[in-house]
Amino acid sequence: MSTYRIETSQIINADLNQVWDFISSPQNLKNITPKHMGFDIISPNLPQKMYQGMMIEYIVKPILGIKMNWLSEITHIKEYEFFVDEQRAGPYTLWHHQHHIAQTEKGVLMADIVHYIPPMSILGSLANFLFIKKQLKEIFDYRRLAIEKKFPSQ
């Protein structure tokens, strides 16, 4: 069973407060997820801002439109710096996603570090090679464009 890692980063044309307000709101997750993923939050009465210990349940359709429930917990949070979400139930054996932001001279640097283990051991490693890694890259590429659209360059 292998652990895989994805790292992405981008500079966002906004200030730290604007970026934090956007990324710390669970309601914005759907706006930065490709439509074909069928992403829908099903947790009732979510607050406007996440907090440590918060559980978020949603449905995704990552493969052939098959619905899967996913439960994430916000395990760590330091306002205006980072938060971590971890899968508690869902399609992966392990999913640990760090979201970091920092103000720079050029804008806000947003960096993501994801460690994940696909399900089904060796079959999961093969699936990662064949399509999971590519699909995750496409999701992060979509997110990059959605955030650029939300915070356009001047």
Protein backbone atom coordinates (compact mmCIF):
# COMPACT_ATOMS: atom_id res chain seq x y z
CA MET A 1 0.00 0.00 0.00
CA SER A 2 1.57 3.27 -1.15
CA THR A 3 0.95 6.77 0.10
CA TYR A 4 0.78 9.38 -2.66
CA ARG A 5 1.32 13.11 -2.44
CA ILE A 6 0.04 16.00 -4.54
CA GLU A 7 1.25 19.57 -4.12
CA THR A 8 -0.19 22.60 -5.87
CA SER A 9 0.21 26.33 -5.44
CA GLN A 10 -1.00 29.53 -7.01
CA ILE A 11 -0.81 33.26 -6.45
CA ILE A 12 -4.23 34.85 -5.95
CA ASN A 13 -4.85 38.48 -6.81
CA ALA A 14 -6.50 39.43 -3.50
CA ASP A 15 -5.63 40.19 0.07
CA LEU A 16 -5.31 37.61 2.82
CA ASN A 17 -8.69 38.45 4.39
CA GLN A 18 -10.56 38.00 1.09
CA VAL A 19 -8.90 34.65 0.37
CA TRP A 20 -9.42 33.36 3.90
CA ASP A 21 -13.08 34.39 3.87
CA PHE A 22 -13.56 32.50 0.60
CA ILE A 23 -11.69 29.28 1.41
CA SER A 24 -12.95 28.99 4.99
CA SER A 25 -16.59 28.98 3.91
CA PRO A 26 -17.87 25.42 3.30
CA GLN A 27 -20.50 26.78 0.90
CA ASN A 28 -17.75 27.72 -1.58
CA LEU A 29 -16.53 24.13 -2.01
CA LYS A 30 -19.11 23.44 -4.71
CA ASN A 31 -18.00 26.52 -6.68
CA ILE A 32 -14.43 25.22 -7.03
CA THR A 33 -15.29 21.60 -7.84
CA PRO A 34 -15.90 20.42 -11.42
CA LYS A 35 -19.60 19.97 -12.17
CA HIS A 36 -19.09 16.42 -13.48
CA MET A 37 -18.03 15.40 -9.95
CA GLY A 38 -21.63 15.84 -8.79
CA PHE A 39 -20.45 17.51 -5.58
CA ASP A 40 -23.29 18.26 -3.14
CA ILE A 41 -23.01 19.11 0.54
CA ILE A 42 -25.61 17.17 2.49
CA SER A 43 -24.73 18.35 6.02
CA PRO A 44 -27.61 20.48 7.26
CA ASN A 45 -27.20 23.97 8.71
CA LEU A 46 -23.50 24.47 8.08
CA PRO A 47 -22.13 27.72 9.50
CA GLN A 48 -20.61 30.38 7.25
CA LYS A 49 -17.10 29.65 8.58
CA MET A 50 -15.45 26.36 9.32
CA TYR A 51 -14.10 25.54 12.77
CA GLN A 52 -11.85 22.86 14.22
CA GLY A 53 -13.78 19.65 14.72
CA MET A 54 -16.39 20.54 12.11
CA MET A 55 -17.74 17.60 10.13
CA ILE A 56 -18.86 18.13 6.54
CA GLU A 57 -20.75 15.41 4.69
CA TYR A 58 -21.16 15.50 0.95
CA ILE A 59 -21.82 13.34 -2.08
CA VAL A 60 -19.40 13.04 -4.97
CA LYS A 61 -19.56 11.05 -8.21
CA PRO A 62 -15.88 10.49 -9.02
CA ILE A 63 -16.18 7.37 -11.17
CA LEU A 64 -18.80 6.71 -13.86
CA GLY A 65 -21.33 8.92 -12.08
CA ILE A 66 -21.53 6.52 -9.12
CA LYS A 67 -22.57 8.36 -5.95
CA MET A 68 -20.26 8.12 -2.95
CA ASN A 69 -20.70 9.67 0.45
CA TRP A 70 -17.69 11.49 1.89
CA LEU A 71 -17.34 12.74 5.45
CA SER A 72 -14.54 15.20 6.20
CA GLU A 73 -13.41 16.64 9.50
CA ILE A 74 -11.63 19.96 9.85
CA THR A 75 -8.90 18.74 12.17
CA HIS A 76 -6.63 21.79 12.42
CA ILE A 77 -7.18 25.46 11.78
CA LYS A 78 -5.12 28.59 12.23
CA GLU A 79 -7.02 31.58 10.91
CA TYR A 80 -5.46 33.37 7.97
CA GLU A 81 -2.72 30.71 7.71
CA PHE A 82 -4.00 27.16 7.18
CA PHE A 83 -6.55 24.46 7.80
CA VAL A 84 -6.51 20.68 7.40
CA ASP A 85 -9.36 18.45 6.33
CA GLU A 86 -9.23 14.69 6.77
CA GLN A 87 -11.58 12.10 5.35
CA ARG A 88 -13.39 10.19 8.09
CA ALA A 89 -15.48 8.10 5.70
CA GLY A 90 -15.31 7.94 1.93
CA PRO A 91 -13.57 6.53 -1.11
CA TYR A 92 -9.95 6.71 0.13
CA THR A 93 -8.13 4.64 2.70
CA LEU A 94 -6.41 7.90 3.71
CA TRP A 95 -7.06 11.51 2.70
CA HIS A 96 -5.20 14.33 4.49
CA HIS A 97 -5.43 17.75 2.82
CA GLN A 98 -3.52 20.80 4.04
CA HIS A 99 -4.59 24.24 2.77
CA HIS A 100 -2.02 27.01 3.38
CA ILE A 101 -2.18 30.72 2.56
CA ALA A 102 0.35 33.53 3.00
CA GLN A 103 0.45 37.15 1.91
CA THR A 104 3.26 37.94 -0.57
CA GLU A 105 4.18 41.04 -2.54
CA LYS A 106 2.43 39.57 -5.60
CA GLY A 107 -0.76 38.49 -3.85
CA VAL A 108 -1.76 35.57 -1.67
CA LEU A 109 0.15 32.34 -2.11
CA MET A 110 -2.21 29.43 -1.69
CA ALA A 111 -0.59 26.02 -1.41
CA ASP A 112 -2.18 22.61 -1.01
CA ILE A 113 -0.54 19.40 0.14
CA VAL A 114 -2.58 16.21 -0.12
CA HIS A 115 -1.49 12.81 1.13
CA TYR A 116 -3.76 10.00 0.05
CA ILE A 117 -3.97 6.22 -0.15
CA PRO A 118 -6.39 4.77 -2.68
CA PRO A 119 -8.64 1.91 -1.55
CA MET A 120 -8.05 -1.76 -2.36
CA SER A 121 -4.27 -1.96 -1.82
CA ILE A 122 -2.54 -3.10 -5.04
CA LEU A 123 -5.68 -2.58 -7.14
CA GLY A 124 -5.86 0.94 -5.72
CA SER A 125 -2.24 1.57 -6.69
CA LEU A 126 -3.03 0.43 -10.22
CA ALA A 127 -6.15 2.64 -10.28
CA ASN A 128 -4.00 5.55 -9.09
CA PHE A 129 -1.61 4.98 -11.98
CA LEU A 130 -4.43 4.58 -14.52
CA PHE A 131 -6.81 7.40 -13.52
CA ILE A 132 -6.94 8.62 -9.89
CA LYS A 133 -3.80 10.76 -10.04
CA LYS A 134 -4.90 12.26 -13.37
CA GLN A 135 -8.40 12.96 -12.06
CA LEU A 136 -7.04 14.69 -8.95
CA LYS A 137 -4.78 16.86 -11.12
CA GLU A 138 -7.81 17.82 -13.24
CA ILE A 139 -9.78 18.75 -10.11
CA PHE A 140 -6.98 20.99 -8.85
CA ASP A 141 -6.57 22.51 -12.33
CA TYR A 142 -10.30 23.31 -12.37
CA ARG A 143 -10.05 24.80 -8.91
CA ARG A 144 -7.12 27.00 -10.00
CA LEU A 145 -9.22 28.41 -12.86
CA ALA A 146 -12.30 28.89 -10.66
CA ILE A 147 -10.25 30.85 -8.12
CA GLU A 148 -8.63 32.93 -10.88
CA LYS A 149 -12.14 33.74 -12.13
CA LYS A 150 -13.27 34.68 -8.60
CA PHE A 151 -10.16 36.86 -8.06
CA PRO A 152 -9.17 38.06 -11.55
CA SER A 153 -5.80 39.66 -12.30
CA GLN A 154 -5.87 43.40 -12.77
